[in-house]
Amino acid sequence: ADISAGSYYLEILTEQLAEKAWEQFKVIESKGGFMAALKNGFIQDLISKDAESLIAQVKESKIIQVGVNKYQDPKEKKREKGKGKKEDTGKTPFKPIKPIRPAETFEMEKNNA
């Protein structure tokens, strides 16, 4: 038996991922490298745009997150916005990259209801 039979789809996905990543690497390199792109906010802007897109897709149920936008537990205690996040001390030479949680949008909607 051929153990690689049926892996065509995974190979195509892997190839597409590698091509897109390589394009991003080339763009970052053209900006002077990773540290230069980080210092001028390019990396943060890329992440922020992707985060906004991800949150919108979760809100529109284009991406399903069980327990967030599908099969929510109405008895679950909701997390307060910003709780557990570290304070920005402003001691970095570049704008910090903020972590995202698509679920936070749903939690805030329920807390305000």
PDB file of N, CA and C in Angstrom:
ATOM      1  N   ALA A   1       0.846  -1.190   0.000  1.00  0.00           N
ATOM      2  CA  ALA A   1       0.000   0.000   0.000  1.00  0.00           C
ATOM      3  C   ALA A   1       0.887   1.248   0.000  1.00  0.00           C
ATOM      4  N   ASP A   2       0.382   2.268  -0.629  1.00  0.00           N
ATOM      5  CA  ASP A   2       1.093   3.548  -0.711  1.00  0.00           C
ATOM      6  C   ASP A   2       0.679   4.423   0.470  1.00  0.00           C
ATOM      7  N   ILE A   3       1.593   4.641   1.407  1.00  0.00           N
ATOM      8  CA  ILE A   3       1.239   5.421   2.602  1.00  0.00           C
ATOM      9  C   ILE A   3       1.002   6.896   2.293  1.00  0.00           C
ATOM     10  N   SER A   4       1.471   7.383   1.134  1.00  0.00           N
ATOM     11  CA  SER A   4       1.253   8.786   0.792  1.00  0.00           C
ATOM     12  C   SER A   4      -0.001   8.990  -0.053  1.00  0.00           C
ATOM     13  N   ALA A   5      -0.717   7.909  -0.346  1.00  0.00           N
ATOM     14  CA  ALA A   5      -1.934   8.014  -1.148  1.00  0.00           C
ATOM     15  C   ALA A   5      -2.953   8.883  -0.408  1.00  0.00           C
ATOM     16  N   GLY A   6      -3.547   9.816  -1.129  1.00  0.00           N
ATOM     17  CA  GLY A   6      -4.560  10.678  -0.524  1.00  0.00           C
ATOM     18  C   GLY A   6      -3.993  11.921   0.143  1.00  0.00           C
ATOM     19  N   SER A   7      -2.675  12.057   0.128  1.00  0.00           N
ATOM     20  CA  SER A   7      -2.087  13.212   0.800  1.00  0.00           C
ATOM     21  C   SER A   7      -1.950  14.412  -0.136  1.00  0.00           C
ATOM     22  N   TYR A   8      -2.456  14.290  -1.346  1.00  0.00           N
ATOM     23  CA  TYR A   8      -2.348  15.366  -2.331  1.00  0.00           C
ATOM     24  C   TYR A   8      -2.904  16.674  -1.772  1.00  0.00           C
ATOM     25  N   TYR A   9      -4.070  16.607  -1.158  1.00  0.00           N
ATOM     26  CA  TYR A   9      -4.709  17.818  -0.628  1.00  0.00           C
ATOM     27  C   TYR A   9      -3.828  18.486   0.428  1.00  0.00           C
ATOM     28  N   LEU A  10      -3.269  17.691   1.325  1.00  0.00           N
ATOM     29  CA  LEU A  10      -2.387  18.254   2.352  1.00  0.00           C
ATOM     30  C   LEU A  10      -1.124  18.851   1.737  1.00  0.00           C
ATOM     31  N   GLU A  11      -0.603  18.193   0.714  1.00  0.00           N
ATOM     32  CA  GLU A  11       0.582  18.719   0.035  1.00  0.00           C
ATOM     33  C   GLU A  11       0.285  20.063  -0.622  1.00  0.00           C
ATOM     34  N   ILE A  12      -0.877  20.192  -1.232  1.00  0.00           N
ATOM     35  CA  ILE A  12      -1.270  21.454  -1.874  1.00  0.00           C
ATOM     36  C   ILE A  12      -1.434  22.551  -0.820  1.00  0.00           C
ATOM     37  N   LEU A  13      -2.095  22.237   0.283  1.00  0.00           N
ATOM     38  CA  LEU A  13      -2.264  23.226   1.359  1.00  0.00           C
ATOM     39  C   LEU A  13      -0.912  23.664   1.925  1.00  0.00           C
ATOM     40  N   THR A  14      -0.029  22.721   2.128  1.00  0.00           N
ATOM     41  CA  THR A  14       1.308  23.030   2.643  1.00  0.00           C
ATOM     42  C   THR A  14       2.066  23.911   1.662  1.00  0.00           C
ATOM     43  N   GLU A  15       1.959  23.599   0.384  1.00  0.00           N
ATOM     44  CA  GLU A  15       2.638  24.395  -0.643  1.00  0.00           C
ATOM     45  C   GLU A  15       2.090  25.822  -0.683  1.00  0.00           C
ATOM     46  N   GLN A  16       0.763  25.964  -0.594  1.00  0.00           N
ATOM     47  CA  GLN A  16       0.145  27.295  -0.593  1.00  0.00           C
ATOM     48  C   GLN A  16       0.585  28.103   0.628  1.00  0.00           C
ATOM     49  N   LEU A  17       0.621  27.445   1.774  1.00  0.00           N
ATOM     50  CA  LEU A  17       1.054  28.104   3.005  1.00  0.00           C
ATOM     51  C   LEU A  17       2.503  28.576   2.883  1.00  0.00           C
ATOM     52  N   ALA A  18       3.358  27.722   2.358  1.00  0.00           N
ATOM     53  CA  ALA A  18       4.768  28.077   2.198  1.00  0.00           C
ATOM     54  C   ALA A  18       4.936  29.236   1.220  1.00  0.00           C
ATOM     55  N   GLU A  19       4.172  29.237   0.126  1.00  0.00           N
ATOM     56  CA  GLU A  19       4.256  30.329  -0.854  1.00  0.00           C
ATOM     57  C   GLU A  19       3.820  31.655  -0.246  1.00  0.00           C
ATOM     58  N   LYS A  20       2.714  31.641   0.504  1.00  0.00           N
ATOM     59  CA  LYS A  20       2.226  32.879   1.139  1.00  0.00           C
ATOM     60  C   LYS A  20       3.217  33.373   2.194  1.00  0.00           C
ATOM     61  N   ALA A  21       3.775  32.452   2.953  1.00  0.00           N
ATOM     62  CA  ALA A  21       4.763  32.834   3.965  1.00  0.00           C
ATOM     63  C   ALA A  21       5.996  33.436   3.308  1.00  0.00           C
ATOM     64  N   TRP A  22       6.438  32.834   2.199  1.00  0.00           N
ATOM     65  CA  TRP A  22       7.614  33.348   1.500  1.00  0.00           C
ATOM     66  C   TRP A  22       7.358  34.766   0.976  1.00  0.00           C
ATOM     67  N   GLU A  23       6.161  35.011   0.467  1.00  0.00           N
ATOM     68  CA  GLU A  23       5.802  36.359   0.001  1.00  0.00           C
ATOM     69  C   GLU A  23       5.868  37.358   1.158  1.00  0.00           C
ATOM     70  N   GLN A  24       5.377  36.947   2.321  1.00  0.00           N
ATOM     71  CA  GLN A  24       5.440  37.836   3.498  1.00  0.00           C
ATOM     72  C   GLN A  24       6.889  38.089   3.906  1.00  0.00           C
ATOM     73  N   PHE A  25       7.709  37.045   3.881  1.00  0.00           N
ATOM     74  CA  PHE A  25       9.131  37.215   4.214  1.00  0.00           C
ATOM     75  C   PHE A  25       9.791  38.221   3.282  1.00  0.00           C
ATOM     76  N   LYS A  26       9.464  38.134   1.980  1.00  0.00           N
ATOM     77  CA  LYS A  26      10.057  39.055   1.008  1.00  0.00           C
ATOM     78  C   LYS A  26       9.602  40.491   1.258  1.00  0.00           C
ATOM     79  N   VAL A  27       8.333  40.676   1.609  1.00  0.00           N
ATOM     80  CA  VAL A  27       7.830  42.022   1.912  1.00  0.00           C
ATOM     81  C   VAL A  27       8.538  42.580   3.142  1.00  0.00           C
ATOM     82  N   ILE A  28       8.664  41.764   4.181  1.00  0.00           N
ATOM     83  CA  ILE A  28       9.338  42.206   5.413  1.00  0.00           C
ATOM     84  C   ILE A  28      10.799  42.524   5.130  1.00  0.00           C
ATOM     85  N   GLU A  29      11.451  41.700   4.322  1.00  0.00           N
ATOM     86  CA  GLU A  29      12.849  41.951   3.966  1.00  0.00           C
ATOM     87  C   GLU A  29      12.984  43.262   3.204  1.00  0.00           C
ATOM     88  N   SER A  30      12.020  43.560   2.335  1.00  0.00           N
ATOM     89  CA  SER A  30      12.071  44.812   1.568  1.00  0.00           C
ATOM     90  C   SER A  30      11.873  46.038   2.463  1.00  0.00           C
ATOM     91  N   LYS A  31      11.316  45.830   3.654  1.00  0.00           N
ATOM     92  CA  LYS A  31      11.119  46.917   4.617  1.00  0.00           C
ATOM     93  C   LYS A  31      12.343  47.098   5.512  1.00  0.00           C
ATOM     94  N   GLY A  32      13.410  46.335   5.257  1.00  0.00           N
ATOM     95  CA  GLY A  32      14.633  46.465   6.044  1.00  0.00           C
ATOM     96  C   GLY A  32      14.851  45.338   7.025  1.00  0.00           C
ATOM     97  N   GLY A  33      14.023  44.306   6.960  1.00  0.00           N
ATOM     98  CA  GLY A  33      14.156  43.168   7.874  1.00  0.00           C
ATOM     99  C   GLY A  33      13.123  43.229   8.989  1.00  0.00           C
ATOM    100  N   PHE A  34      13.099  42.174   9.775  1.00  0.00           N
ATOM    101  CA  PHE A  34      12.069  42.035  10.808  1.00  0.00           C
ATOM    102  C   PHE A  34      12.134  43.148  11.851  1.00  0.00           C
ATOM    103  N   MET A  35      13.314  43.420  12.378  1.00  0.00           N
ATOM    104  CA  MET A  35      13.417  44.435  13.436  1.00  0.00           C
ATOM    105  C   MET A  35      13.023  45.814  12.926  1.00  0.00           C
ATOM    106  N   ALA A  36      13.429  46.160  11.714  1.00  0.00           N
ATOM    107  CA  ALA A  36      13.049  47.459  11.147  1.00  0.00           C
ATOM    108  C   ALA A  36      11.537  47.528  10.943  1.00  0.00           C
ATOM    109  N   ALA A  37      10.957  46.438  10.443  1.00  0.00           N
ATOM    110  CA  ALA A  37       9.509  46.402  10.231  1.00  0.00           C
ATOM    111  C   ALA A  37       8.765  46.459  11.559  1.00  0.00           C
ATOM    112  N   LEU A  38       9.327  45.856  12.578  1.00  0.00           N
ATOM    113  CA  LEU A  38       8.725  45.903  13.912  1.00  0.00           C
ATOM    114  C   LEU A  38       8.790  47.314  14.480  1.00  0.00           C
ATOM    115  N   LYS A  39       9.943  47.966  14.343  1.00  0.00           N
ATOM    116  CA  LYS A  39      10.114  49.321  14.876  1.00  0.00           C
ATOM    117  C   LYS A  39       9.234  50.347  14.178  1.00  0.00           C
ATOM    118  N   ASN A  40       8.986  50.163  12.868  1.00  0.00           N
ATOM    119  CA  ASN A  40       8.138  51.146  12.185  1.00  0.00           C
ATOM    120  C   ASN A  40       6.652  50.778  12.214  1.00  0.00           C
ATOM    121  N   GLY A  41       6.301  49.694  12.919  1.00  0.00           N
ATOM    122  CA  GLY A  41       4.899  49.331  13.127  1.00  0.00           C
ATOM    123  C   GLY A  41       4.291  48.468  12.027  1.00  0.00           C
ATOM    124  N   PHE A  42       5.080  48.078  11.034  1.00  0.00           N
ATOM    125  CA  PHE A  42       4.555  47.284   9.921  1.00  0.00           C
ATOM    126  C   PHE A  42       4.036  45.922  10.397  1.00  0.00           C
ATOM    127  N   ILE A  43       4.813  45.245  11.221  1.00  0.00           N
ATOM    128  CA  ILE A  43       4.414  43.916  11.733  1.00  0.00           C
ATOM    129  C   ILE A  43       3.125  44.032  12.549  1.00  0.00           C
ATOM    130  N   GLN A  44       3.077  45.032  13.432  1.00  0.00           N
ATOM    131  CA  GLN A  44       1.896  45.224  14.275  1.00  0.00           C
ATOM    132  C   GLN A  44       0.655  45.505  13.427  1.00  0.00           C
ATOM    133  N   ASP A  45       0.829  46.301  12.357  1.00  0.00           N
ATOM    134  CA  ASP A  45      -0.304  46.601  11.482  1.00  0.00           C
ATOM    135  C   ASP A  45      -0.793  45.351  10.757  1.00  0.00           C
ATOM    136  N   LEU A  46       0.138  44.502  10.303  1.00  0.00           N
ATOM    137  CA  LEU A  46      -0.247  43.238   9.659  1.00  0.00           C
ATOM    138  C   LEU A  46      -1.054  42.365  10.615  1.00  0.00           C
ATOM    139  N   ILE A  47      -0.550  42.240  11.827  1.00  0.00           N
ATOM    140  CA  ILE A  47      -1.228  41.407  12.827  1.00  0.00           C
ATOM    141  C   ILE A  47      -2.589  41.991  13.173  1.00  0.00           C
ATOM    142  N   SER A  48      -2.657  43.299  13.317  1.00  0.00           N
ATOM    143  CA  SER A  48      -3.911  43.966  13.649  1.00  0.00           C
ATOM    144  C   SER A  48      -4.959  43.753  12.560  1.00  0.00           C
ATOM    145  N   LYS A  49      -4.562  43.880  11.289  1.00  0.00           N
ATOM    146  CA  LYS A  49      -5.494  43.654  10.172  1.00  0.00           C
ATOM    147  C   LYS A  49      -5.992  42.214  10.170  1.00  0.00           C
ATOM    148  N   ASP A  50      -5.074  41.272  10.358  1.00  0.00           N
ATOM    149  CA  ASP A  50      -5.465  39.861  10.398  1.00  0.00           C
ATOM    150  C   ASP A  50      -6.387  39.576  11.578  1.00  0.00           C
ATOM    151  N   ALA A  51      -6.118  40.215  12.714  1.00  0.00           N
ATOM    152  CA  ALA A  51      -6.954  40.021  13.902  1.00  0.00           C
ATOM    153  C   ALA A  51      -8.360  40.551  13.654  1.00  0.00           C
ATOM    154  N   GLU A  52      -8.472  41.724  13.048  1.00  0.00           N
ATOM    155  CA  GLU A  52      -9.786  42.290  12.740  1.00  0.00           C
ATOM    156  C   GLU A  52     -10.556  41.368  11.799  1.00  0.00           C
ATOM    157  N   SER A  53      -9.866  40.829  10.802  1.00  0.00           N
ATOM    158  CA  SER A  53     -10.498  39.909   9.860  1.00  0.00           C
ATOM    159  C   SER A  53     -10.968  38.642  10.573  1.00  0.00           C
ATOM    160  N   LEU A  54     -10.135  38.094  11.444  1.00  0.00           N
ATOM    161  CA  LEU A  54     -10.494  36.886  12.188  1.00  0.00           C
ATOM    162  C   LEU A  54     -11.715  37.134  13.067  1.00  0.00           C
ATOM    163  N   ILE A  55     -11.724  38.241  13.783  1.00  0.00           N
ATOM    164  CA  ILE A  55     -12.850  38.560  14.667  1.00  0.00           C
ATOM    165  C   ILE A  55     -14.131  38.720  13.855  1.00  0.00           C
ATOM    166  N   ALA A  56     -14.044  39.403  12.700  1.00  0.00           N
ATOM    167  CA  ALA A  56     -15.216  39.574  11.846  1.00  0.00           C
ATOM    168  C   ALA A  56     -15.731  38.227  11.349  1.00  0.00           C
ATOM    169  N   GLN A  57     -14.815  37.322  10.966  1.00  0.00           N
ATOM    170  CA  GLN A  57     -15.231  36.006  10.486  1.00  0.00           C
ATOM    171  C   GLN A  57     -15.894  35.194  11.590  1.00  0.00           C
ATOM    172  N   VAL A  58     -15.418  35.327  12.815  1.00  0.00           N
ATOM    173  CA  VAL A  58     -16.044  34.616  13.940  1.00  0.00           C
ATOM    174  C   VAL A  58     -17.422  35.212  14.209  1.00  0.00           C
ATOM    175  N   LYS A  59     -17.535  36.540  14.184  1.00  0.00           N
ATOM    176  CA  LYS A  59     -18.826  37.197  14.408  1.00  0.00           C
ATOM    177  C   LYS A  59     -19.860  36.794  13.367  1.00  0.00           C
ATOM    178  N   GLU A  60     -19.415  36.660  12.116  1.00  0.00           N
ATOM    179  CA  GLU A  60     -20.316  36.306  11.020  1.00  0.00           C
ATOM    180  C   GLU A  60     -20.508  34.790  10.899  1.00  0.00           C
ATOM    181  N   SER A  61     -19.936  34.029  11.816  1.00  0.00           N
ATOM    182  CA  SER A  61     -20.003  32.562  11.835  1.00  0.00           C
ATOM    183  C   SER A  61     -19.399  31.921  10.599  1.00  0.00           C
ATOM    184  N   LYS A  62     -18.463  32.613   9.952  1.00  0.00           N
ATOM    185  CA  LYS A  62     -17.719  32.003   8.853  1.00  0.00           C
ATOM    186  C   LYS A  62     -16.662  31.061   9.424  1.00  0.00           C
ATOM    187  N   ILE A  63     -16.232  31.349  10.643  1.00  0.00           N
ATOM    188  CA  ILE A  63     -15.346  30.467  11.406  1.00  0.00           C
ATOM    189  C   ILE A  63     -16.110  30.100  12.671  1.00  0.00           C
ATOM    190  N   ILE A  64     -16.217  28.827  12.933  1.00  0.00           N
ATOM    191  CA  ILE A  64     -16.946  28.358  14.110  1.00  0.00           C
ATOM    192  C   ILE A  64     -15.971  28.104  15.252  1.00  0.00           C
ATOM    193  N   GLN A  65     -16.264  28.677  16.396  1.00  0.00           N
ATOM    194  CA  GLN A  65     -15.525  28.393  17.621  1.00  0.00           C
ATOM    195  C   GLN A  65     -16.538  27.892  18.641  1.00  0.00           C
ATOM    196  N   VAL A  66     -16.475  26.597  18.907  1.00  0.00           N
ATOM    197  CA  VAL A  66     -17.425  25.975  19.822  1.00  0.00           C
ATOM    198  C   VAL A  66     -17.308  26.627  21.195  1.00  0.00           C
ATOM    199  N   GLY A  67     -18.458  27.026  21.717  1.00  0.00           N
ATOM    200  CA  GLY A  67     -18.502  27.680  23.019  1.00  0.00           C
ATOM    201  C   GLY A  67     -18.381  29.191  22.918  1.00  0.00           C
ATOM    202  N   VAL A  68     -18.053  29.690  21.735  1.00  0.00           N
ATOM    203  CA  VAL A  68     -17.934  31.142  21.537  1.00  0.00           C
ATOM    204  C   VAL A  68     -19.093  31.632  20.680  1.00  0.00           C
ATOM    205  N   ASN A  69     -19.141  31.181  19.431  1.00  0.00           N
ATOM    206  CA  ASN A  69     -20.232  31.590  18.566  1.00  0.00           C
ATOM    207  C   ASN A  69     -21.134  30.412  18.184  1.00  0.00           C
ATOM    208  N   LYS A  70     -20.879  29.271  18.781  1.00  0.00           N
ATOM    209  CA  LYS A  70     -21.698  28.078  18.557  1.00  0.00           C
ATOM    210  C   LYS A  70     -21.751  27.292  19.866  1.00  0.00           C
ATOM    211  N   TYR A  71     -22.947  26.901  20.281  1.00  0.00           N
ATOM    212  CA  TYR A  71     -23.144  26.110  21.503  1.00  0.00           C
ATOM    213  C   TYR A  71     -22.613  26.828  22.740  1.00  0.00           C
ATOM    214  N   GLN A  72     -23.024  28.075  22.914  1.00  0.00           N
ATOM    215  CA  GLN A  72     -22.594  28.834  24.092  1.00  0.00           C
ATOM    216  C   GLN A  72     -23.300  28.315  25.337  1.00  0.00           C
ATOM    217  N   ASP A  73     -22.610  28.338  26.453  1.00  0.00           N
ATOM    218  CA  ASP A  73     -23.182  27.944  27.734  1.00  0.00           C
ATOM    219  C   ASP A  73     -23.700  29.201  28.417  1.00  0.00           C
ATOM    220  N   PRO A  74     -25.023  29.361  28.506  1.00  0.00           N
ATOM    221  CA  PRO A  74     -25.573  30.590  29.085  1.00  0.00           C
ATOM    222  C   PRO A  74     -25.247  30.763  30.577  1.00  0.00           C
ATOM    223  N   LYS A  75     -24.879  29.675  31.254  1.00  0.00           N
ATOM    224  CA  LYS A  75     -24.549  29.754  32.689  1.00  0.00           C
ATOM    225  C   LYS A  75     -23.087  30.092  32.941  1.00  0.00           C
ATOM    226  N   GLU A  76     -22.292  30.088  31.887  1.00  0.00           N
ATOM    227  CA  GLU A  76     -20.856  30.336  32.038  1.00  0.00           C
ATOM    228  C   GLU A  76     -20.600  31.771  32.486  1.00  0.00           C
ATOM    229  N   LYS A  77     -19.704  31.912  33.461  1.00  0.00           N
ATOM    230  CA  LYS A  77     -19.324  33.243  33.931  1.00  0.00           C
ATOM    231  C   LYS A  77     -18.425  33.887  32.873  1.00  0.00           C
ATOM    232  N   LYS A  78     -18.765  35.099  32.507  1.00  0.00           N
ATOM    233  CA  LYS A  78     -18.023  35.791  31.459  1.00  0.00           C
ATOM    234  C   LYS A  78     -16.821  36.517  32.025  1.00  0.00           C
ATOM    235  N   ARG A  79     -15.774  36.555  31.254  1.00  0.00           N
ATOM    236  CA  ARG A  79     -14.533  37.214  31.640  1.00  0.00           C
ATOM    237  C   ARG A  79     -14.658  38.719  31.422  1.00  0.00           C
ATOM    238  N   GLU A  80     -14.115  39.490  32.335  1.00  0.00           N
ATOM    239  CA  GLU A  80     -14.136  40.941  32.191  1.00  0.00           C
ATOM    240  C   GLU A  80     -13.069  41.375  31.210  1.00  0.00           C
ATOM    241  N   LYS A  81     -13.391  42.376  30.401  1.00  0.00           N
ATOM    242  CA  LYS A  81     -12.447  42.863  29.394  1.00  0.00           C
ATOM    243  C   LYS A  81     -11.187  43.363  30.065  1.00  0.00           C
ATOM    244  N   GLY A  82     -10.046  42.922  29.532  1.00  0.00           N
ATOM    245  CA  GLY A  82      -8.756  43.396  30.023  1.00  0.00           C
ATOM    246  C   GLY A  82      -8.253  42.692  31.264  1.00  0.00           C
ATOM    247  N   LYS A  83      -9.073  41.872  31.884  1.00  0.00           N
ATOM    248  CA  LYS A  83      -8.637  41.193  33.103  1.00  0.00           C
ATOM    249  C   LYS A  83      -7.563  40.169  32.778  1.00  0.00           C
ATOM    250  N   GLY A  84      -6.467  40.221  33.486  1.00  0.00           N
ATOM    251  CA  GLY A  84      -5.380  39.285  33.285  1.00  0.00           C
ATOM    252  C   GLY A  84      -4.363  39.749  32.269  1.00  0.00           C
ATOM    253  N   LYS A  85      -4.577  40.916  31.682  1.00  0.00           N
ATOM    254  CA  LYS A  85      -3.614  41.417  30.696  1.00  0.00           C
ATOM    255  C   LYS A  85      -2.533  42.214  31.397  1.00  0.00           C
ATOM    256  N   LYS A  86      -1.328  42.121  30.857  1.00  0.00           N
ATOM    257  CA  LYS A  86      -0.207  42.855  31.425  1.00  0.00           C
ATOM    258  C   LYS A  86      -0.292  44.322  31.054  1.00  0.00           C
ATOM    259  N   GLU A  87       0.175  45.164  31.937  1.00  0.00           N
ATOM    260  CA  GLU A  87       0.224  46.598  31.674  1.00  0.00           C
ATOM    261  C   GLU A  87       1.356  46.913  30.709  1.00  0.00           C
ATOM    262  N   ASP A  88       1.142  47.877  29.825  1.00  0.00           N
ATOM    263  CA  ASP A  88       2.175  48.345  28.907  1.00  0.00           C
ATOM    264  C   ASP A  88       3.038  49.350  29.653  1.00  0.00           C
ATOM    265  N   THR A  89       4.293  48.996  29.856  1.00  0.00           N
ATOM    266  CA  THR A  89       5.194  49.886  30.593  1.00  0.00           C
ATOM    267  C   THR A  89       5.841  50.916  29.687  1.00  0.00           C
ATOM    268  N   GLY A  90       5.712  50.740  28.371  1.00  0.00           N
ATOM    269  CA  GLY A  90       6.273  51.684  27.420  1.00  0.00           C
ATOM    270  C   GLY A  90       7.789  51.623  27.309  1.00  0.00           C
ATOM    271  N   LYS A  91       8.410  50.531  27.733  1.00  0.00           N
ATOM    272  CA  LYS A  91       9.875  50.422  27.737  1.00  0.00           C
ATOM    273  C   LYS A  91      10.433  49.682  26.528  1.00  0.00           C
ATOM    274  N   THR A  92       9.619  49.450  25.508  1.00  0.00           N
ATOM    275  CA  THR A  92      10.121  48.760  24.322  1.00  0.00           C
ATOM    276  C   THR A  92      10.411  49.787  23.225  1.00  0.00           C
ATOM    277  N   PRO A  93      11.341  49.482  22.331  1.00  0.00           N
ATOM    278  CA  PRO A  93      11.651  50.419  21.256  1.00  0.00           C
ATOM    279  C   PRO A  93      10.623  50.386  20.126  1.00  0.00           C
ATOM    280  N   PHE A  94       9.560  49.596  20.306  1.00  0.00           N
ATOM    281  CA  PHE A  94       8.532  49.488  19.274  1.00  0.00           C
ATOM    282  C   PHE A  94       7.175  49.292  19.928  1.00  0.00           C
ATOM    283  N   LYS A  95       6.132  49.514  19.135  1.00  0.00           N
ATOM    284  CA  LYS A  95       4.765  49.345  19.595  1.00  0.00           C
ATOM    285  C   LYS A  95       4.524  47.871  19.919  1.00  0.00           C
ATOM    286  N   PRO A  96       4.005  47.549  21.103  1.00  0.00           N
ATOM    287  CA  PRO A  96       3.803  46.138  21.459  1.00  0.00           C
ATOM    288  C   PRO A  96       2.745  45.471  20.578  1.00  0.00           C
ATOM    289  N   ILE A  97       2.881  44.174  20.416  1.00  0.00           N
ATOM    290  CA  ILE A  97       1.906  43.374  19.688  1.00  0.00           C
ATOM    291  C   ILE A  97       0.880  42.904  20.711  1.00  0.00           C
ATOM    292  N   LYS A  98      -0.365  43.261  20.478  1.00  0.00           N
ATOM    293  CA  LYS A  98      -1.413  42.928  21.439  1.00  0.00           C
ATOM    294  C   LYS A  98      -2.016  41.568  21.121  1.00  0.00           C
ATOM    295  N   PRO A  99      -2.168  40.713  22.123  1.00  0.00           N
ATOM    296  CA  PRO A  99      -2.813  39.418  21.883  1.00  0.00           C
ATOM    297  C   PRO A  99      -4.300  39.621  21.618  1.00  0.00           C
ATOM    298  N   ILE A 100      -4.884  38.731  20.840  1.00  0.00           N
ATOM    299  CA  ILE A 100      -6.317  38.838  20.557  1.00  0.00           C
ATOM    300  C   ILE A 100      -7.040  37.596  21.039  1.00  0.00           C
ATOM    301  N   ARG A 101      -8.297  37.778  21.345  1.00  0.00           N
ATOM    302  CA  ARG A 101      -9.190  36.681  21.679  1.00  0.00           C
ATOM    303  C   ARG A 101     -10.517  36.957  20.999  1.00  0.00           C
ATOM    304  N   PRO A 102     -10.838  36.251  19.919  1.00  0.00           N
ATOM    305  CA  PRO A 102     -12.127  36.486  19.259  1.00  0.00           C
ATOM    306  C   PRO A 102     -13.314  36.334  20.211  1.00  0.00           C
ATOM    307  N   ALA A 103     -13.182  35.500  21.218  1.00  0.00           N
ATOM    308  CA  ALA A 103     -14.272  35.289  22.166  1.00  0.00           C
ATOM    309  C   ALA A 103     -14.572  36.543  22.972  1.00  0.00           C
ATOM    310  N   GLU A 104     -13.597  37.416  23.123  1.00  0.00           N
ATOM    311  CA  GLU A 104     -13.781  38.615  23.936  1.00  0.00           C
ATOM    312  C   GLU A 104     -14.943  39.471  23.423  1.00  0.00           C
ATOM    313  N   THR A 105     -15.128  39.521  22.114  1.00  0.00           N
ATOM    314  CA  THR A 105     -16.221  40.290  21.526  1.00  0.00           C
ATOM    315  C   THR A 105     -17.565  39.763  22.014  1.00  0.00           C
ATOM    316  N   PHE A 106     -17.722  38.456  22.039  1.00  0.00           N
ATOM    317  CA  PHE A 106     -18.977  37.859  22.481  1.00  0.00           C
ATOM    318  C   PHE A 106     -19.178  38.050  23.975  1.00  0.00           C
ATOM    319  N   GLU A 107     -18.107  37.979  24.740  1.00  0.00           N
ATOM    320  CA  GLU A 107     -18.204  38.169  26.180  1.00  0.00           C
ATOM    321  C   GLU A 107     -18.640  39.592  26.500  1.00  0.00           C
ATOM    322  N   MET A 108     -18.114  40.562  25.773  1.00  0.00           N
ATOM    323  CA  MET A 108     -18.461  41.951  26.028  1.00  0.00           C
ATOM    324  C   MET A 108     -19.925  42.208  25.677  1.00  0.00           C
ATOM    325  N   GLU A 109     -20.413  41.590  24.591  1.00  0.00           N
ATOM    326  CA  GLU A 109     -21.814  41.756  24.197  1.00  0.00           C
ATOM    327  C   GLU A 109     -22.745  41.213  25.280  1.00  0.00           C
ATOM    328  N   LYS A 110     -22.380  40.077  25.865  1.00  0.00           N
ATOM    329  CA  LYS A 110     -23.228  39.475  26.916  1.00  0.00           C
ATOM    330  C   LYS A 110     -23.158  40.296  28.205  1.00  0.00           C
ATOM    331  N   ASN A 111     -21.979  40.838  28.530  1.00  0.00           N
ATOM    332  CA  ASN A 111     -21.835  41.627  29.753  1.00  0.00           C
ATOM    333  C   ASN A 111     -22.617  42.931  29.644  1.00  0.00           C
ATOM    334  N   ASN A 112     -22.740  43.478  28.439  1.00  0.00           N
ATOM    335  CA  ASN A 112     -23.462  44.741  28.247  1.00  0.00           C
ATOM    336  C   ASN A 112     -24.966  44.535  28.085  1.00  0.00           C
ATOM    337  N   ALA A 113     -25.374  43.283  27.926  1.00  0.00           N
ATOM    338  CA  ALA A 113     -26.811  42.997  27.723  1.00  0.00           C
ATOM    339  C   ALA A 113     -27.577  43.038  29.022  1.00  0.00           C
TER     340      ALA A 113
END
